[in-house]
Amino acid sequence: MQKHSEETEMIMQVPFPYECIDNIISLTTPADACRLSLVSTRFKFAAESNQVWEKFLPSPHLIHAIESQSTSSSTFVPAKSKKEFYLALCDNSVLMDNGKMSFSMDKWSGKKCYMICARELNIVWAQDKSRYWSWISLAESRFKEVASLDEVCWLEIRGKIDMSILSPWTLYKAYLVYKLTEDAYGFDVPVEVAIAERHYGFEYGPLDAALGGDENKQTVYLDPSLEIMDGARRPNERADGWLEMELGEFLCQAEEDGELEMMCAEYKNLCWKSGLIVQGIEVRPERKEYSKAKGKAGYFRAKGKKPVF
């Protein structure tokens, strides 16, 4: 132990050029950069530099889209340094594509996160003048409108996202982000959720076929107050006060080509339901190591399966 400590001390005394330290730290992660800033004054100076944090930012093309397409309702404020810019993207969701989706970054990994607004989802019976759904505005929503369920018996919510915009070698999870009103009813029955890889430009097909077999879909309950005995998942409460229900996992590899479909449906019990408010579907990374994600991809390829689980 003493020998190891002496060797570490000797290494720390080597006068590495600042550019060299910058390059080394930029090859790590944002979390590692923050840890390395505690090593010494020299490392702190390098770990705070624009050269390091520029490596953790999205591509210049995406940054340009963020700056040009972000809407006036976004809480994003341009920062003075690259690190402040990075943290702003982590702490604030930026509305893009005319408010159709929001973008942010995972603070610890720098991976991309997206939420698709309810208007961009395929919600059955939610046409503009539908008597089954209403479109309302909520101050606590990041989007201009949310979908409010008046009453349906057939619940079907589906969305899709271009897989090429996600971070490579990242295990992603998709979540339905919603609320239940105090007088909500009809959500004491199981709901089926699933995600599936599709080709570009696919059309939403029959729900039974889209959900796939039992190995792809999962059973969940949207009402967090239920006492569940069969092991089905319950929703979690988010820091922003909304509920979220996991729809499934997907391993985004180096070069993905296609779209990811995400589904949440209840069409078997056909009981009447009311009081569901949908903000959107969020796709964000699961905090697992790159090597674990890469290993999981290899396992699924060896089994002749797609890494969608």
C-alpha atoms as a PDB file:
ATOM      1  CA  MET A   1       0.000   0.000   0.000  1.00  0.00           C
ATOM      2  CA  GLN A   2       2.828   2.420   0.873  1.00  0.00           C
ATOM      3  CA  LYS A   3       4.663   1.632  -2.362  1.00  0.00           C
ATOM      4  CA  HIS A   4       1.507   2.265  -4.378  1.00  0.00           C
ATOM      5  CA  SER A   5       0.987   5.597  -2.597  1.00  0.00           C
ATOM      6  CA  GLU A   6       4.584   6.648  -3.319  1.00  0.00           C
ATOM      7  CA  GLU A   7       4.231   5.753  -7.001  1.00  0.00           C
ATOM      8  CA  THR A   8       1.019   7.764  -7.250  1.00  0.00           C
ATOM      9  CA  GLU A   9       2.678  10.755  -5.618  1.00  0.00           C
ATOM     10  CA  MET A  10       5.610  10.553  -8.046  1.00  0.00           C
ATOM     11  CA  ILE A  11       3.235  10.434 -11.030  1.00  0.00           C
ATOM     12  CA  MET A  12       1.344  13.461  -9.743  1.00  0.00           C
ATOM     13  CA  GLN A  13       4.590  15.416  -9.569  1.00  0.00           C
ATOM     14  CA  VAL A  14       5.332  14.902 -13.274  1.00  0.00           C
ATOM     15  CA  PRO A  15       4.756  18.267 -14.988  1.00  0.00           C
ATOM     16  CA  PHE A  16       2.348  17.121 -17.729  1.00  0.00           C
ATOM     17  CA  PRO A  17       1.405  19.905 -20.164  1.00  0.00           C
ATOM     18  CA  TYR A  18      -2.107  21.263 -19.599  1.00  0.00           C
ATOM     19  CA  GLU A  19      -3.058  20.189 -23.138  1.00  0.00           C
ATOM     20  CA  CYS A  20      -2.113  16.610 -22.316  1.00  0.00           C
ATOM     21  CA  ILE A  21      -4.215  16.590 -19.150  1.00  0.00           C
ATOM     22  CA  ASP A  22      -7.102  18.184 -21.076  1.00  0.00           C
ATOM     23  CA  ASN A  23      -6.992  15.416 -23.668  1.00  0.00           C
ATOM     24  CA  ILE A  24      -6.871  12.674 -21.049  1.00  0.00           C
ATOM     25  CA  ILE A  25      -9.827  14.041 -19.079  1.00  0.00           C
ATOM     26  CA  SER A  26     -11.883  14.621 -22.242  1.00  0.00           C
ATOM     27  CA  LEU A  27     -11.680  10.872 -22.929  1.00  0.00           C
ATOM     28  CA  THR A  28     -13.464  10.085 -19.659  1.00  0.00           C
ATOM     29  CA  THR A  29     -17.008  11.029 -18.597  1.00  0.00           C
ATOM     30  CA  PRO A  30     -18.496  14.200 -17.071  1.00  0.00           C
ATOM     31  CA  ALA A  31     -18.652  12.455 -13.696  1.00  0.00           C
ATOM     32  CA  ASP A  32     -14.977  11.441 -13.957  1.00  0.00           C
ATOM     33  CA  ALA A  33     -13.994  14.987 -14.914  1.00  0.00           C
ATOM     34  CA  CYS A  34     -15.617  16.305 -11.745  1.00  0.00           C
ATOM     35  CA  ARG A  35     -13.826  13.694  -9.650  1.00  0.00           C
ATOM     36  CA  LEU A  36     -10.465  14.437 -11.279  1.00  0.00           C
ATOM     37  CA  SER A  37     -10.885  18.144 -10.535  1.00  0.00           C
ATOM     38  CA  LEU A  38     -10.339  17.253  -6.865  1.00  0.00           C
ATOM     39  CA  VAL A  39      -6.908  15.690  -7.491  1.00  0.00           C
ATOM     40  CA  SER A  40      -4.917  18.911  -7.659  1.00  0.00           C
ATOM     41  CA  THR A  41      -5.068  22.540  -8.716  1.00  0.00           C
ATOM     42  CA  ARG A  42      -3.507  21.594 -12.035  1.00  0.00           C
ATOM     43  CA  PHE A  43      -6.155  18.935 -12.665  1.00  0.00           C
ATOM     44  CA  LYS A  44      -8.947  21.263 -11.534  1.00  0.00           C
ATOM     45  CA  PHE A  45      -7.842  23.883 -14.054  1.00  0.00           C
ATOM     46  CA  ALA A  46      -7.837  21.287 -16.832  1.00  0.00           C
ATOM     47  CA  ALA A  47     -11.119  19.664 -15.758  1.00  0.00           C
ATOM     48  CA  GLU A  48     -12.898  23.035 -15.865  1.00  0.00           C
ATOM     49  CA  SER A  49     -11.583  23.969 -19.321  1.00  0.00           C
ATOM     50  CA  ASN A  50     -13.752  24.510 -22.380  1.00  0.00           C
ATOM     51  CA  GLN A  51     -11.646  21.994 -24.294  1.00  0.00           C
ATOM     52  CA  VAL A  52     -12.735  19.198 -21.955  1.00  0.00           C
ATOM     53  CA  TRP A  53     -16.432  20.073 -21.711  1.00  0.00           C
ATOM     54  CA  GLU A  54     -16.780  20.657 -25.431  1.00  0.00           C
ATOM     55  CA  LYS A  55     -16.135  16.904 -25.851  1.00  0.00           C
ATOM     56  CA  PHE A  56     -19.123  16.138 -23.625  1.00  0.00           C
ATOM     57  CA  LEU A  57     -21.526  18.359 -25.571  1.00  0.00           C
ATOM     58  CA  PRO A  58     -23.708  17.099 -28.455  1.00  0.00           C
ATOM     59  CA  SER A  59     -22.590  17.469 -32.050  1.00  0.00           C
ATOM     60  CA  PRO A  60     -22.340  21.008 -33.497  1.00  0.00           C
ATOM     61  CA  HIS A  61     -25.329  20.164 -35.702  1.00  0.00           C
ATOM     62  CA  LEU A  62     -27.495  19.355 -32.676  1.00  0.00           C
ATOM     63  CA  ILE A  63     -26.241  22.387 -30.764  1.00  0.00           C
ATOM     64  CA  HIS A  64     -27.221  24.567 -33.711  1.00  0.00           C
ATOM     65  CA  ALA A  65     -30.666  22.932 -33.721  1.00  0.00           C
ATOM     66  CA  ILE A  66     -30.991  23.574 -29.979  1.00  0.00           C
ATOM     67  CA  GLU A  67     -30.078  27.227 -30.364  1.00  0.00           C
ATOM     68  CA  SER A  68     -32.220  27.848 -33.458  1.00  0.00           C
ATOM     69  CA  GLN A  69     -35.249  25.645 -32.796  1.00  0.00           C
ATOM     70  CA  SER A  70     -35.661  26.020 -29.033  1.00  0.00           C
ATOM     71  CA  THR A  71     -38.935  27.813 -28.353  1.00  0.00           C
ATOM     72  CA  SER A  72     -39.644  30.829 -26.208  1.00  0.00           C
ATOM     73  CA  SER A  73     -41.285  28.621 -23.573  1.00  0.00           C
ATOM     74  CA  SER A  74     -38.012  26.786 -22.947  1.00  0.00           C
ATOM     75  CA  THR A  75     -36.157  27.500 -19.713  1.00  0.00           C
ATOM     76  CA  PHE A  76     -32.791  27.142 -21.449  1.00  0.00           C
ATOM     77  CA  VAL A  77     -30.483  30.143 -21.094  1.00  0.00           C
ATOM     78  CA  PRO A  78     -27.179  30.434 -23.030  1.00  0.00           C
ATOM     79  CA  ALA A  79     -24.176  29.899 -20.747  1.00  0.00           C
ATOM     80  CA  LYS A  80     -20.782  31.604 -20.480  1.00  0.00           C
ATOM     81  CA  SER A  81     -18.619  28.460 -20.494  1.00  0.00           C
ATOM     82  CA  LYS A  82     -18.857  25.014 -22.070  1.00  0.00           C
ATOM     83  CA  LYS A  83     -19.350  23.437 -18.636  1.00  0.00           C
ATOM     84  CA  GLU A  84     -22.189  25.829 -17.802  1.00  0.00           C
ATOM     85  CA  PHE A  85     -23.704  25.071 -21.204  1.00  0.00           C
ATOM     86  CA  TYR A  86     -23.472  21.338 -20.491  1.00  0.00           C
ATOM     87  CA  LEU A  87     -25.085  21.701 -17.045  1.00  0.00           C
ATOM     88  CA  ALA A  88     -27.826  23.888 -18.516  1.00  0.00           C
ATOM     89  CA  LEU A  89     -28.691  21.094 -20.955  1.00  0.00           C
ATOM     90  CA  CYS A  90     -28.806  18.639 -18.048  1.00  0.00           C
ATOM     91  CA  ASP A  91     -30.905  20.757 -15.705  1.00  0.00           C
ATOM     92  CA  ASN A  92     -33.319  22.190 -18.268  1.00  0.00           C
ATOM     93  CA  SER A  93     -35.307  20.558 -21.038  1.00  0.00           C
ATOM     94  CA  VAL A  94     -35.010  22.379 -24.357  1.00  0.00           C
ATOM     95  CA  LEU A  95     -38.080  22.344 -26.592  1.00  0.00           C
ATOM     96  CA  MET A  96     -37.248  21.520 -30.204  1.00  0.00           C
ATOM     97  CA  ASP A  97     -38.945  20.932 -33.543  1.00  0.00           C
ATOM     98  CA  ASN A  98     -41.625  23.539 -32.882  1.00  0.00           C
ATOM     99  CA  GLY A  99     -42.340  22.129 -29.448  1.00  0.00           C
ATOM    100  CA  LYS A 100     -42.921  18.552 -30.614  1.00  0.00           C
ATOM    101  CA  MET A 101     -40.194  17.114 -28.413  1.00  0.00           C
ATOM    102  CA  SER A 102     -37.814  18.139 -25.656  1.00  0.00           C
ATOM    103  CA  PHE A 103     -34.091  17.444 -25.366  1.00  0.00           C
ATOM    104  CA  SER A 104     -31.816  17.192 -22.352  1.00  0.00           C
ATOM    105  CA  MET A 105     -28.697  15.306 -21.274  1.00  0.00           C
ATOM    106  CA  ASP A 106     -27.995  12.857 -18.495  1.00  0.00           C
ATOM    107  CA  LYS A 107     -25.721  14.742 -16.109  1.00  0.00           C
ATOM    108  CA  TRP A 108     -23.484  11.803 -15.163  1.00  0.00           C
ATOM    109  CA  SER A 109     -22.962  10.208 -18.560  1.00  0.00           C
ATOM    110  CA  GLY A 110     -23.652  12.964 -21.086  1.00  0.00           C
ATOM    111  CA  LYS A 111     -26.100  10.684 -22.939  1.00  0.00           C
ATOM    112  CA  LYS A 112     -29.032  12.181 -24.835  1.00  0.00           C
ATOM    113  CA  CYS A 113     -32.564  12.219 -23.431  1.00  0.00           C
ATOM    114  CA  TYR A 114     -35.765  13.000 -25.333  1.00  0.00           C
ATOM    115  CA  MET A 115     -39.452  13.364 -24.554  1.00  0.00           C
ATOM    116  CA  ILE A 116     -42.081  13.201 -27.291  1.00  0.00           C
ATOM    117  CA  CYS A 117     -45.120  15.374 -26.607  1.00  0.00           C
ATOM    118  CA  ALA A 118     -48.618  13.911 -26.416  1.00  0.00           C
ATOM    119  CA  ARG A 119     -49.638  15.630 -29.667  1.00  0.00           C
ATOM    120  CA  GLU A 120     -47.010  13.588 -31.534  1.00  0.00           C
ATOM    121  CA  LEU A 121     -48.243  10.295 -30.081  1.00  0.00           C
ATOM    122  CA  ASN A 122     -50.822   8.072 -31.715  1.00  0.00           C
ATOM    123  CA  ILE A 123     -53.613   8.144 -29.108  1.00  0.00           C
ATOM    124  CA  VAL A 124     -56.708   6.341 -30.332  1.00  0.00           C
ATOM    125  CA  TRP A 125     -59.928   8.398 -30.137  1.00  0.00           C
ATOM    126  CA  ALA A 126     -57.964  11.603 -29.365  1.00  0.00           C
ATOM    127  CA  GLN A 127     -58.885  13.563 -32.502  1.00  0.00           C
ATOM    128  CA  ASP A 128     -59.158  17.319 -32.109  1.00  0.00           C
ATOM    129  CA  LYS A 129     -62.939  17.295 -31.655  1.00  0.00           C
ATOM    130  CA  SER A 130     -63.195  13.955 -29.915  1.00  0.00           C
ATOM    131  CA  ARG A 131     -65.673  13.469 -27.074  1.00  0.00           C
ATOM    132  CA  TYR A 132     -63.330  10.897 -25.552  1.00  0.00           C
ATOM    133  CA  TRP A 133     -60.178  13.023 -25.071  1.00  0.00           C
ATOM    134  CA  SER A 134     -59.561  16.730 -24.524  1.00  0.00           C
ATOM    135  CA  TRP A 135     -56.461  18.829 -25.175  1.00  0.00           C
ATOM    136  CA  ILE A 136     -55.655  21.137 -22.263  1.00  0.00           C
ATOM    137  CA  SER A 137     -52.771  23.284 -21.014  1.00  0.00           C
ATOM    138  CA  LEU A 138     -51.040  22.665 -17.685  1.00  0.00           C
ATOM    139  CA  ALA A 139     -48.482  24.991 -16.119  1.00  0.00           C
ATOM    140  CA  GLU A 140     -46.447  22.015 -14.854  1.00  0.00           C
ATOM    141  CA  SER A 141     -46.072  20.503 -18.345  1.00  0.00           C
ATOM    142  CA  ARG A 142     -43.070  21.297 -20.529  1.00  0.00           C
ATOM    143  CA  PHE A 143     -45.320  21.216 -23.609  1.00  0.00           C
ATOM    144  CA  LYS A 144     -48.071  23.552 -24.765  1.00  0.00           C
ATOM    145  CA  GLU A 145     -50.768  20.867 -24.577  1.00  0.00           C
ATOM    146  CA  VAL A 146     -51.391  17.577 -22.817  1.00  0.00           C
ATOM    147  CA  ALA A 147     -53.981  14.908 -23.553  1.00  0.00           C
ATOM    148  CA  SER A 148     -56.741  14.587 -20.940  1.00  0.00           C
ATOM    149  CA  LEU A 149     -58.878  11.460 -20.993  1.00  0.00           C
ATOM    150  CA  ASP A 150     -62.604  12.148 -20.628  1.00  0.00           C
ATOM    151  CA  GLU A 151     -63.771   8.556 -21.027  1.00  0.00           C
ATOM    152  CA  VAL A 152     -62.824   5.528 -23.135  1.00  0.00           C
ATOM    153  CA  CYS A 153     -62.945   1.768 -22.774  1.00  0.00           C
ATOM    154  CA  TRP A 154     -60.248   1.080 -25.400  1.00  0.00           C
ATOM    155  CA  LEU A 155     -56.971   2.671 -24.245  1.00  0.00           C
ATOM    156  CA  GLU A 156     -54.219   2.763 -26.871  1.00  0.00           C
ATOM    157  CA  ILE A 157     -51.181   5.061 -26.736  1.00  0.00           C
ATOM    158  CA  ARG A 158     -48.292   4.583 -29.181  1.00  0.00           C
ATOM    159  CA  GLY A 159     -45.257   6.626 -30.115  1.00  0.00           C
ATOM    160  CA  LYS A 160     -42.045   6.343 -32.094  1.00  0.00           C
ATOM    161  CA  ILE A 161     -38.562   7.842 -32.183  1.00  0.00           C
ATOM    162  CA  ASP A 162     -35.724   7.811 -34.718  1.00  0.00           C
ATOM    163  CA  MET A 163     -33.054   5.561 -33.208  1.00  0.00           C
ATOM    164  CA  SER A 164     -30.231   7.386 -35.028  1.00  0.00           C
ATOM    165  CA  ILE A 165     -30.625  10.452 -32.757  1.00  0.00           C
ATOM    166  CA  LEU A 166     -29.918   8.410 -29.610  1.00  0.00           C
ATOM    167  CA  SER A 167     -26.485   7.952 -28.012  1.00  0.00           C
ATOM    168  CA  PRO A 168     -24.651   4.823 -29.261  1.00  0.00           C
ATOM    169  CA  TRP A 169     -23.815   1.878 -27.001  1.00  0.00           C
ATOM    170  CA  THR A 170     -26.431   2.992 -24.520  1.00  0.00           C
ATOM    171  CA  LEU A 171     -29.152   1.043 -22.785  1.00  0.00           C
ATOM    172  CA  TYR A 172     -32.286   3.177 -23.049  1.00  0.00           C
ATOM    173  CA  LYS A 173     -35.614   2.937 -21.259  1.00  0.00           C
ATOM    174  CA  ALA A 174     -38.901   4.395 -22.459  1.00  0.00           C
ATOM    175  CA  TYR A 175     -41.455   5.831 -20.029  1.00  0.00           C
ATOM    176  CA  LEU A 176     -45.033   7.005 -20.307  1.00  0.00           C
ATOM    177  CA  VAL A 177     -45.190  10.312 -18.393  1.00  0.00           C
ATOM    178  CA  TYR A 178     -48.660  10.996 -17.027  1.00  0.00           C
ATOM    179  CA  LYS A 179     -50.921  11.960 -14.127  1.00  0.00           C
ATOM    180  CA  LEU A 180     -54.162  10.641 -12.716  1.00  0.00           C
ATOM    181  CA  THR A 181     -56.796  13.092 -11.511  1.00  0.00           C
ATOM    182  CA  GLU A 182     -58.378  12.706  -8.083  1.00  0.00           C
ATOM    183  CA  ASP A 183     -61.586  11.352  -9.634  1.00  0.00           C
ATOM    184  CA  ALA A 184     -59.843   8.989 -12.085  1.00  0.00           C
ATOM    185  CA  TYR A 185     -61.334   5.534 -12.480  1.00  0.00           C
ATOM    186  CA  GLY A 186     -60.922   2.348 -14.514  1.00  0.00           C
ATOM    187  CA  PHE A 187     -57.179   1.884 -13.891  1.00  0.00           C
ATOM    188  CA  ASP A 188     -57.426  -1.015 -11.479  1.00  0.00           C
ATOM    189  CA  VAL A 189     -57.010  -3.405 -14.439  1.00  0.00           C
ATOM    190  CA  PRO A 190     -53.706  -4.551 -15.960  1.00  0.00           C
ATOM    191  CA  VAL A 191     -52.250  -2.634 -18.902  1.00  0.00           C
ATOM    192  CA  GLU A 192     -49.896  -4.065 -21.524  1.00  0.00           C
ATOM    193  CA  VAL A 193     -46.720  -2.221 -22.523  1.00  0.00           C
ATOM    194  CA  ALA A 194     -44.007  -3.006 -25.056  1.00  0.00           C
ATOM    195  CA  ILE A 195     -41.359  -1.525 -27.325  1.00  0.00           C
ATOM    196  CA  ALA A 196     -40.249  -2.837 -30.713  1.00  0.00           C
ATOM    197  CA  GLU A 197     -37.741  -1.999 -33.428  1.00  0.00           C
ATOM    198  CA  ARG A 198     -39.296  -0.928 -36.760  1.00  0.00           C
ATOM    199  CA  HIS A 199     -38.094   0.219 -40.173  1.00  0.00           C
ATOM    200  CA  TYR A 200     -38.083   3.892 -41.147  1.00  0.00           C
ATOM    201  CA  GLY A 201     -41.470   5.280 -42.085  1.00  0.00           C
ATOM    202  CA  PHE A 202     -43.482   2.393 -40.678  1.00  0.00           C
ATOM    203  CA  GLU A 203     -47.242   2.737 -40.255  1.00  0.00           C
ATOM    204  CA  TYR A 204     -48.955   1.835 -37.002  1.00  0.00           C
ATOM    205  CA  GLY A 205     -50.388  -1.644 -37.523  1.00  0.00           C
ATOM    206  CA  PRO A 206     -52.920  -3.781 -35.612  1.00  0.00           C
ATOM    207  CA  LEU A 207     -52.331  -3.546 -31.883  1.00  0.00           C
ATOM    208  CA  ASP A 208     -52.195  -7.303 -31.214  1.00  0.00           C
ATOM    209  CA  ALA A 209     -49.442  -7.793 -33.787  1.00  0.00           C
ATOM    210  CA  ALA A 210     -47.546  -4.701 -32.624  1.00  0.00           C
ATOM    211  CA  LEU A 211     -47.461  -5.814 -28.992  1.00  0.00           C
ATOM    212  CA  GLY A 212     -45.992  -9.149 -30.059  1.00  0.00           C
ATOM    213  CA  GLY A 213     -45.762 -12.324 -28.023  1.00  0.00           C
ATOM    214  CA  ASP A 214     -45.570 -12.729 -24.284  1.00  0.00           C
ATOM    215  CA  GLU A 215     -41.768 -12.468 -24.340  1.00  0.00           C
ATOM    216  CA  ASN A 216     -41.945  -8.867 -25.618  1.00  0.00           C
ATOM    217  CA  LYS A 217     -44.854  -7.305 -23.728  1.00  0.00           C
ATOM    218  CA  GLN A 218     -45.181  -6.747 -20.005  1.00  0.00           C
ATOM    219  CA  THR A 219     -48.106  -6.218 -17.668  1.00  0.00           C
ATOM    220  CA  VAL A 220     -48.248  -3.060 -15.547  1.00  0.00           C
ATOM    221  CA  TYR A 221     -50.735  -1.024 -13.516  1.00  0.00           C
ATOM    222  CA  LEU A 222     -51.042   2.737 -14.000  1.00  0.00           C
ATOM    223  CA  ASP A 223     -52.683   3.422 -10.627  1.00  0.00           C
ATOM    224  CA  PRO A 224     -49.899   3.898  -8.031  1.00  0.00           C
ATOM    225  CA  SER A 225     -52.280   3.365  -5.104  1.00  0.00           C
ATOM    226  CA  LEU A 226     -53.041  -0.267  -5.955  1.00  0.00           C
ATOM    227  CA  GLU A 227     -51.744  -3.129  -3.858  1.00  0.00           C
ATOM    228  CA  ILE A 228     -50.340  -5.439  -6.539  1.00  0.00           C
ATOM    229  CA  MET A 229     -49.877  -9.110  -5.739  1.00  0.00           C
ATOM    230  CA  ASP A 230     -48.905 -10.611  -9.118  1.00  0.00           C
ATOM    231  CA  GLY A 231     -45.490  -8.939  -9.438  1.00  0.00           C
ATOM    232  CA  ALA A 232     -46.582  -6.467 -12.131  1.00  0.00           C
ATOM    233  CA  ARG A 233     -44.856  -3.104 -12.205  1.00  0.00           C
ATOM    234  CA  ARG A 234     -46.246   0.047 -10.660  1.00  0.00           C
ATOM    235  CA  PRO A 235     -45.460   3.635 -11.690  1.00  0.00           C
ATOM    236  CA  ASN A 236     -42.861   5.815  -9.998  1.00  0.00           C
ATOM    237  CA  GLU A 237     -43.305   9.439  -9.006  1.00  0.00           C
ATOM    238  CA  ARG A 238     -40.868  11.791 -10.710  1.00  0.00           C
ATOM    239  CA  ALA A 239     -39.102  14.783  -9.201  1.00  0.00           C
ATOM    240  CA  ASP A 240     -41.339  17.080 -11.288  1.00  0.00           C
ATOM    241  CA  GLY A 241     -44.500  15.618  -9.727  1.00  0.00           C
ATOM    242  CA  TRP A 242     -45.590  13.510 -12.713  1.00  0.00           C
ATOM    243  CA  LEU A 243     -45.854   9.722 -12.730  1.00  0.00           C
ATOM    244  CA  GLU A 244     -43.863   7.537 -15.078  1.00  0.00           C
ATOM    245  CA  MET A 245     -44.405   3.951 -16.189  1.00  0.00           C
ATOM    246  CA  GLU A 246     -41.582   2.030 -17.819  1.00  0.00           C
ATOM    247  CA  LEU A 247     -42.588   0.665 -21.233  1.00  0.00           C
ATOM    248  CA  GLY A 248     -39.441  -1.332 -21.959  1.00  0.00           C
ATOM    249  CA  GLU A 249     -35.696  -1.293 -22.634  1.00  0.00           C
ATOM    250  CA  PHE A 250     -33.682  -0.987 -25.817  1.00  0.00           C
ATOM    251  CA  LEU A 251     -29.959  -1.213 -26.429  1.00  0.00           C
ATOM    252  CA  CYS A 252     -28.904   1.434 -28.957  1.00  0.00           C
ATOM    253  CA  GLN A 253     -25.772   0.196 -30.690  1.00  0.00           C
ATOM    254  CA  ALA A 254     -23.164   2.042 -32.738  1.00  0.00           C
ATOM    255  CA  GLU A 255     -25.174   2.538 -35.925  1.00  0.00           C
ATOM    256  CA  GLU A 256     -28.914   2.106 -35.544  1.00  0.00           C
ATOM    257  CA  ASP A 257     -31.134   2.316 -38.597  1.00  0.00           C
ATOM    258  CA  GLY A 258     -34.862   2.533 -38.024  1.00  0.00           C
ATOM    259  CA  GLU A 259     -37.430   3.688 -35.513  1.00  0.00           C
ATOM    260  CA  LEU A 260     -38.413   2.501 -32.062  1.00  0.00           C
ATOM    261  CA  GLU A 261     -42.123   1.987 -31.417  1.00  0.00           C
ATOM    262  CA  MET A 262     -43.406   2.330 -27.835  1.00  0.00           C
ATOM    263  CA  MET A 263     -46.838   1.141 -26.738  1.00  0.00           C
ATOM    264  CA  CYS A 264     -49.218   1.250 -23.787  1.00  0.00           C
ATOM    265  CA  ALA A 265     -52.662  -0.317 -24.156  1.00  0.00           C
ATOM    266  CA  GLU A 266     -55.668  -1.807 -22.369  1.00  0.00           C
ATOM    267  CA  TYR A 267     -58.190  -3.364 -24.746  1.00  0.00           C
ATOM    268  CA  LYS A 268     -59.118  -6.703 -23.165  1.00  0.00           C
ATOM    269  CA  ASN A 269     -61.136  -5.806 -20.062  1.00  0.00           C
ATOM    270  CA  LEU A 270     -62.702  -2.846 -21.883  1.00  0.00           C
ATOM    271  CA  CYS A 271     -63.877  -1.177 -18.686  1.00  0.00           C
ATOM    272  CA  TRP A 272     -64.535   2.547 -18.914  1.00  0.00           C
ATOM    273  CA  LYS A 273     -61.589   4.729 -17.917  1.00  0.00           C
ATOM    274  CA  SER A 274     -61.274   8.418 -17.124  1.00  0.00           C
ATOM    275  CA  GLY A 275     -58.890  10.918 -15.526  1.00  0.00           C
ATOM    276  CA  LEU A 276     -55.624  10.060 -17.302  1.00  0.00           C
ATOM    277  CA  ILE A 277     -53.474  13.054 -18.325  1.00  0.00           C
ATOM    278  CA  VAL A 278     -50.643  12.257 -20.748  1.00  0.00           C
ATOM    279  CA  GLN A 279     -47.677  14.603 -21.124  1.00  0.00           C
ATOM    280  CA  GLY A 280     -45.650  12.354 -23.441  1.00  0.00           C
ATOM    281  CA  ILE A 281     -43.198   9.469 -23.725  1.00  0.00           C
ATOM    282  CA  GLU A 282     -39.652   9.959 -22.456  1.00  0.00           C
ATOM    283  CA  VAL A 283     -36.645   8.013 -23.728  1.00  0.00           C
ATOM    284  CA  ARG A 284     -33.609   8.262 -21.485  1.00  0.00           C
ATOM    285  CA  PRO A 285     -30.505   6.177 -20.703  1.00  0.00           C
ATOM    286  CA  GLU A 286     -30.322   3.624 -17.952  1.00  0.00           C
ATOM    287  CA  ARG A 287     -27.215   4.307 -15.894  1.00  0.00           C
ATOM    288  CA  LYS A 288     -25.171   1.243 -16.743  1.00  0.00           C
ATOM    289  CA  GLU A 289     -21.568   0.961 -17.820  1.00  0.00           C
ATOM    290  CA  TYR A 290     -20.661   0.956 -21.512  1.00  0.00           C
ATOM    291  CA  SER A 291     -18.967  -2.434 -21.176  1.00  0.00           C
ATOM    292  CA  LYS A 292     -22.104  -3.987 -19.659  1.00  0.00           C
ATOM    293  CA  ALA A 293     -24.267  -2.622 -22.452  1.00  0.00           C
ATOM    294  CA  LYS A 294     -21.807  -3.859 -25.063  1.00  0.00           C
ATOM    295  CA  GLY A 295     -21.715  -7.291 -23.429  1.00  0.00           C
ATOM    296  CA  LYS A 296     -25.496  -7.484 -23.381  1.00  0.00           C
ATOM    297  CA  ALA A 297     -25.592  -6.722 -27.105  1.00  0.00           C
ATOM    298  CA  GLY A 298     -23.161  -9.565 -27.769  1.00  0.00           C
ATOM    299  CA  TYR A 299     -25.303 -11.960 -25.775  1.00  0.00           C
ATOM    300  CA  PHE A 300     -28.424 -11.154 -27.771  1.00  0.00           C
ATOM    301  CA  ARG A 301     -26.574 -11.401 -31.098  1.00  0.00           C
ATOM    302  CA  ALA A 302     -25.211 -14.804 -30.104  1.00  0.00           C
ATOM    303  CA  LYS A 303     -28.767 -15.961 -29.426  1.00  0.00           C
ATOM    304  CA  GLY A 304     -29.884 -14.636 -32.805  1.00  0.00           C
ATOM    305  CA  LYS A 305     -32.140 -12.045 -31.193  1.00  0.00           C
ATOM    306  CA  LYS A 306     -32.540  -8.320 -31.501  1.00  0.00           C
ATOM    307  CA  PRO A 307     -31.248  -6.400 -28.453  1.00  0.00           C
ATOM    308  CA  VAL A 308     -34.733  -5.156 -27.574  1.00  0.00           C
ATOM    309  CA  PHE A 309     -35.949  -6.363 -24.188  1.00  0.00           C
END
